PDB file of N, CA and C in Angstrom:
ATOM      1  N   MET A   1      74.378 149.023 -90.317  1.00  0.00           N
ATOM      2  CA  MET A   1      75.012 150.186 -89.733  1.00  0.00           C
ATOM      3  C   MET A   1      74.206 150.613 -88.510  1.00  0.00           C
ATOM      4  N   ASP A   2      74.902 150.932 -87.434  1.00  0.00           N
ATOM      5  CA  ASP A   2      74.261 151.377 -86.206  1.00  0.00           C
ATOM      6  C   ASP A   2      74.299 152.897 -86.104  1.00  0.00           C
ATOM      7  N   CYS A   3      73.242 153.468 -85.578  1.00  0.00           N
ATOM      8  CA  CYS A   3      73.140 154.912 -85.384  1.00  0.00           C
ATOM      9  C   CYS A   3      74.146 155.352 -84.321  1.00  0.00           C
ATOM     10  N   PRO A   4      74.938 156.389 -84.595  1.00  0.00           N
ATOM     11  CA  PRO A   4      75.895 156.860 -83.594  1.00  0.00           C
ATOM     12  C   PRO A   4      75.210 157.531 -82.405  1.00  0.00           C
ATOM     13  N   LYS A   5      73.959 157.928 -82.566  1.00  0.00           N
ATOM     14  CA  LYS A   5      73.232 158.621 -81.510  1.00  0.00           C
ATOM     15  C   LYS A   5      72.533 157.645 -80.560  1.00  0.00           C
ATOM     16  N   CYS A   6      71.759 156.697 -81.116  1.00  0.00           N
ATOM     17  CA  CYS A   6      70.934 155.820 -80.273  1.00  0.00           C
ATOM     18  C   CYS A   6      71.227 154.331 -80.475  1.00  0.00           C
ATOM     19  N   LYS A   7      72.157 154.009 -81.368  1.00  0.00           N
ATOM     20  CA  LYS A   7      72.527 152.623 -81.695  1.00  0.00           C
ATOM     21  C   LYS A   7      71.397 151.862 -82.389  1.00  0.00           C
ATOM     22  N   GLY A   8      70.437 152.600 -82.954  1.00  0.00           N
ATOM     23  CA  GLY A   8      69.346 151.989 -83.709  1.00  0.00           C
ATOM     24  C   GLY A   8      69.786 151.613 -85.116  1.00  0.00           C
ATOM     25  N   MET A   9      68.878 151.071 -85.889  1.00  0.00           N
ATOM     26  CA  MET A   9      69.166 150.624 -87.249  1.00  0.00           C
ATOM     27  C   MET A   9      69.109 151.790 -88.233  1.00  0.00           C
ATOM     28  N   MET A  10      70.127 151.893 -89.083  1.00  0.00           N
ATOM     29  CA  MET A  10      70.187 152.933 -90.107  1.00  0.00           C
ATOM     30  C   MET A  10      69.777 152.329 -91.452  1.00  0.00           C
ATOM     31  N   MET A  11      69.039 153.110 -92.236  1.00  0.00           N
ATOM     32  CA  MET A  11      68.626 152.680 -93.575  1.00  0.00           C
ATOM     33  C   MET A  11      69.048 153.743 -94.571  1.00  0.00           C
ATOM     34  N   LEU A  12      69.456 153.314 -95.748  1.00  0.00           N
ATOM     35  CA  LEU A  12      69.826 154.238 -96.804  1.00  0.00           C
ATOM     36  C   LEU A  12      68.554 154.831 -97.398  1.00  0.00           C
ATOM     37  N   GLU A  13      68.516 156.165 -97.471  1.00  0.00           N
ATOM     38  CA  GLU A  13      67.325 156.838 -97.962  1.00  0.00           C
ATOM     39  C   GLU A  13      67.710 157.882 -99.002  1.00  0.00           C
ATOM     40  N   ARG A  14      66.831 158.100 -99.957  1.00  0.00           N
ATOM     41  CA  ARG A  14      67.054 159.075-101.024  1.00  0.00           C
ATOM     42  C   ARG A  14      66.410 160.395-100.623  1.00  0.00           C
ATOM     43  N   PHE A  15      67.190 161.473-100.681  1.00  0.00           N
ATOM     44  CA  PHE A  15      66.702 162.808-100.383  1.00  0.00           C
ATOM     45  C   PHE A  15      66.829 163.656-101.636  1.00  0.00           C
ATOM     46  N   SER A  16      65.916 164.604-101.820  1.00  0.00           N
ATOM     47  CA  SER A  16      66.004 165.476-102.983  1.00  0.00           C
ATOM     48  C   SER A  16      65.313 166.804-102.709  1.00  0.00           C
ATOM     49  N   ASP A  17      65.778 167.814-103.436  1.00  0.00           N
ATOM     50  CA  ASP A  17      65.075 169.078-103.482  1.00  0.00           C
ATOM     51  C   ASP A  17      64.917 169.427-104.965  1.00  0.00           C
ATOM     52  N   PHE A  18      64.774 170.651-105.307  1.00  0.00           N
ATOM     53  CA  PHE A  18      64.533 170.998-106.706  1.00  0.00           C
ATOM     54  C   PHE A  18      65.722 170.715-107.619  1.00  0.00           C
ATOM     55  N   PHE A  19      66.942 170.790-107.080  1.00  0.00           N
ATOM     56  CA  PHE A  19      68.130 170.677-107.928  1.00  0.00           C
ATOM     57  C   PHE A  19      69.057 169.527-107.574  1.00  0.00           C
ATOM     58  N   LEU A  20      68.954 169.005-106.393  1.00  0.00           N
ATOM     59  CA  LEU A  20      69.935 168.056-105.887  1.00  0.00           C
ATOM     60  C   LEU A  20      69.261 166.779-105.410  1.00  0.00           C
ATOM     61  N   VAL A  21      69.864 165.662-105.754  1.00  0.00           N
ATOM     62  CA  VAL A  21      69.423 164.355-105.250  1.00  0.00           C
ATOM     63  C   VAL A  21      70.632 163.713-104.593  1.00  0.00           C
ATOM     64  N   PHE A  22      70.465 163.252-103.346  1.00  0.00           N
ATOM     65  CA  PHE A  22      71.571 162.584-102.671  1.00  0.00           C
ATOM     66  C   PHE A  22      71.021 161.497-101.761  1.00  0.00           C
ATOM     67  N   TYR A  23      71.896 160.606-101.379  1.00  0.00           N
ATOM     68  CA  TYR A  23      71.537 159.496-100.499  1.00  0.00           C
ATOM     69  C   TYR A  23      72.229 159.692 -99.158  1.00  0.00           C
ATOM     70  N   ALA A  24      71.540 159.333 -98.101  1.00  0.00           N
ATOM     71  CA  ALA A  24      72.097 159.451 -96.754  1.00  0.00           C
ATOM     72  C   ALA A  24      71.522 158.335 -95.900  1.00  0.00           C
ATOM     73  N   TRP A  25      72.191 158.069 -94.792  1.00  0.00           N
ATOM     74  CA  TRP A  25      71.717 157.079 -93.833  1.00  0.00           C
ATOM     75  C   TRP A  25      70.782 157.766 -92.861  1.00  0.00           C
ATOM     76  N   LYS A  26      69.617 157.166 -92.623  1.00  0.00           N
ATOM     77  CA  LYS A  26      68.638 157.702 -91.686  1.00  0.00           C
ATOM     78  C   LYS A  26      68.288 156.628 -90.668  1.00  0.00           C
ATOM     79  N   CYS A  27      68.314 157.007 -89.402  1.00  0.00           N
ATOM     80  CA  CYS A  27      67.972 156.081 -88.326  1.00  0.00           C
ATOM     81  C   CYS A  27      66.463 155.924 -88.267  1.00  0.00           C
ATOM     82  N   ILE A  28      66.000 154.683 -88.253  1.00  0.00           N
ATOM     83  CA  ILE A  28      64.563 154.449 -88.182  1.00  0.00           C
ATOM     84  C   ILE A  28      64.049 154.575 -86.753  1.00  0.00           C
ATOM     85  N   ASN A  29      64.966 154.668 -85.799  1.00  0.00           N
ATOM     86  CA  ASN A  29      64.584 154.788 -84.398  1.00  0.00           C
ATOM     87  C   ASN A  29      64.459 156.254 -83.966  1.00  0.00           C
ATOM     88  N   CYS A  30      65.521 157.059 -84.164  1.00  0.00           N
ATOM     89  CA  CYS A  30      65.517 158.444 -83.677  1.00  0.00           C
ATOM     90  C   CYS A  30      65.432 159.479 -84.793  1.00  0.00           C
ATOM     91  N   GLY A  31      65.633 159.065 -86.050  1.00  0.00           N
ATOM     92  CA  GLY A  31      65.522 159.989 -87.174  1.00  0.00           C
ATOM     93  C   GLY A  31      66.792 160.736 -87.528  1.00  0.00           C
ATOM     94  N   ALA A  32      67.907 160.408 -86.888  1.00  0.00           N
ATOM     95  CA  ALA A  32      69.176 161.069 -87.197  1.00  0.00           C
ATOM     96  C   ALA A  32      69.569 160.774 -88.649  1.00  0.00           C
ATOM     97  N   ILE A  33      70.132 161.770 -89.322  1.00  0.00           N
ATOM     98  CA  ILE A  33      70.544 161.631 -90.718  1.00  0.00           C
ATOM     99  C   ILE A  33      72.048 161.840 -90.808  1.00  0.00           C
ATOM    100  N   ILE A  34      72.734 160.920 -91.467  1.00  0.00           N
ATOM    101  CA  ILE A  34      74.176 160.999 -91.654  1.00  0.00           C
ATOM    102  C   ILE A  34      74.462 160.860 -93.144  1.00  0.00           C
ATOM    103  N   ASP A  35      75.123 161.872 -93.724  1.00  0.00           N
ATOM    104  CA  ASP A  35      75.555 161.775 -95.113  1.00  0.00           C
ATOM    105  C   ASP A  35      77.060 162.033 -95.171  1.00  0.00           C
ATOM    106  N   ARG A  36      77.610 162.069 -96.351  1.00  0.00           N
ATOM    107  CA  ARG A  36      79.052 162.223 -96.520  1.00  0.00           C
ATOM    108  C   ARG A  36      79.542 163.551 -95.947  1.00  0.00           C
ATOM    109  N   THR A  37      78.814 164.621 -96.178  1.00  0.00           N
ATOM    110  CA  THR A  37      79.219 165.938 -95.689  1.00  0.00           C
ATOM    111  C   THR A  37      79.204 165.986 -94.167  1.00  0.00           C
ATOM    112  N   ILE A  38      78.176 165.452 -93.563  1.00  0.00           N
ATOM    113  CA  ILE A  38      78.080 165.428 -92.099  1.00  0.00           C
ATOM    114  C   ILE A  38      79.230 164.624 -91.501  1.00  0.00           C
ATOM    115  N   SER A  39      79.500 163.453 -92.047  1.00  0.00           N
ATOM    116  CA  SER A  39      80.567 162.614 -91.489  1.00  0.00           C
ATOM    117  C   SER A  39      81.943 163.251 -91.693  1.00  0.00           C
ATOM    118  N   ASN A  40      82.183 163.908 -92.832  1.00  0.00           N
ATOM    119  CA  ASN A  40      83.463 164.597 -93.061  1.00  0.00           C
ATOM    120  C   ASN A  40      83.639 165.750 -92.075  1.00  0.00           C
ATOM    121  N   ASN A  41      82.595 166.531 -91.852  1.00  0.00           N
ATOM    122  CA  ASN A  41      82.683 167.642 -90.911  1.00  0.00           C
ATOM    123  C   ASN A  41      82.912 167.161 -89.486  1.00  0.00           C
ATOM    124  N   ARG A  42      82.279 166.084 -89.092  1.00  0.00           N
ATOM    125  CA  ARG A  42      82.495 165.531 -87.750  1.00  0.00           C
ATOM    126  C   ARG A  42      83.920 165.036 -87.592  1.00  0.00           C
ATOM    127  N   ARG A  43      84.431 164.375 -88.641  1.00  0.00           N
ATOM    128  CA  ARG A  43      85.797 163.871 -88.596  1.00  0.00           C
ATOM    129  C   ARG A  43      86.783 165.022 -88.454  1.00  0.00           C
ATOM    130  N   LYS A  44      86.595 166.095 -89.214  1.00  0.00           N
ATOM    131  CA  LYS A  44      87.477 167.267 -89.132  1.00  0.00           C
ATOM    132  C   LYS A  44      87.376 167.926 -87.765  1.00  0.00           C
ATOM    133  N   SER A  45      86.173 168.005 -87.232  1.00  0.00           N
ATOM    134  CA  SER A  45      85.966 168.622 -85.923  1.00  0.00           C
ATOM    135  C   SER A  45      86.664 167.820 -84.833  1.00  0.00           C
ATOM    136  N   LEU A  46      86.552 166.504 -84.884  1.00  0.00           N
ATOM    137  CA  LEU A  46      87.204 165.663 -83.885  1.00  0.00           C
ATOM    138  C   LEU A  46      88.723 165.747 -83.999  1.00  0.00           C
ATOM    139  N   ALA A  47      89.236 165.806 -85.226  1.00  0.00           N
ATOM    140  CA  ALA A  47      90.675 165.901 -85.435  1.00  0.00           C
ATOM    141  C   ALA A  47      91.199 167.237 -84.912  1.00  0.00           C
ATOM    142  N   ALA A  48      90.454 168.317 -85.118  1.00  0.00           N
ATOM    143  CA  ALA A  48      90.861 169.633 -84.623  1.00  0.00           C
ATOM    144  C   ALA A  48      90.836 169.667 -83.099  1.00  0.00           C
ATOM    145  N   GLY A  49      89.856 169.042 -82.502  1.00  0.00           N
ATOM    146  CA  GLY A  49      89.758 168.974 -81.046  1.00  0.00           C
ATOM    147  C   GLY A  49      90.914 168.203 -80.434  1.00  0.00           C
ATOM    148  N   LYS A  50      91.300 167.109 -81.087  1.00  0.00           N
ATOM    149  CA  LYS A  50      92.418 166.314 -80.576  1.00  0.00           C
ATOM    150  C   LYS A  50      93.729 167.080 -80.689  1.00  0.00           C
ATOM    151  N   SER A  51      93.950 167.821 -81.775  1.00  0.00           N
ATOM    152  CA  SER A  51      95.191 168.550 -81.948  1.00  0.00           C
ATOM    153  C   SER A  51      95.291 169.705 -80.947  1.00  0.00           C
ATOM    154  N   LYS A  52      94.153 170.303 -80.560  1.00  0.00           N
ATOM    155  CA  LYS A  52      94.171 171.381 -79.569  1.00  0.00           C
ATOM    156  C   LYS A  52      94.514 170.841 -78.196  1.00  0.00           C
ATOM    157  N   THR A  53      93.992 169.667 -77.833  1.00  0.00           N
ATOM    158  CA  THR A  53      94.281 169.112 -76.519  1.00  0.00           C
ATOM    159  C   THR A  53      95.735 168.649 -76.432  1.00  0.00           C
ATOM    160  N   VAL A  54      96.279 168.153 -77.515  1.00  0.00           N
ATOM    161  CA  VAL A  54      97.673 167.731 -77.528  1.00  0.00           C
ATOM    162  C   VAL A  54      98.568 168.947 -77.429  1.00  0.00           C
ATOM    163  N   ALA A  55      98.249 170.045 -78.119  1.00  0.00           N
ATOM    164  CA  ALA A  55      99.065 171.243 -78.095  1.00  0.00           C
ATOM    165  C   ALA A  55      99.014 171.928 -76.727  1.00  0.00           C
ATOM    166  N   ALA A  56      97.937 171.760 -75.983  1.00  0.00           N
ATOM    167  CA  ALA A  56      97.786 172.413 -74.688  1.00  0.00           C
ATOM    168  C   ALA A  56      98.633 171.749 -73.611  1.00  0.00           C
ATOM    169  N   ARG A  57      99.040 170.542 -73.818  1.00  0.00           N
ATOM    170  CA  ARG A  57      99.816 169.825 -72.789  1.00  0.00           C
ATOM    171  C   ARG A  57     101.187 170.310 -72.699  1.00  0.00           C
TER     172      ARG A  57
END
């Protein structure tokens, strides 16, 4: 998987706090972190942006 920010190599990494354990992709080059929540929010944001530009025409 390539990093969307710098096109570097992404590695699956385990993250945890006191109550939650989850896995996310972390770029070994720039340190960007992508998990399911981040990717879903970006997808929704891009879809909303496209619908606004189409409606404005």
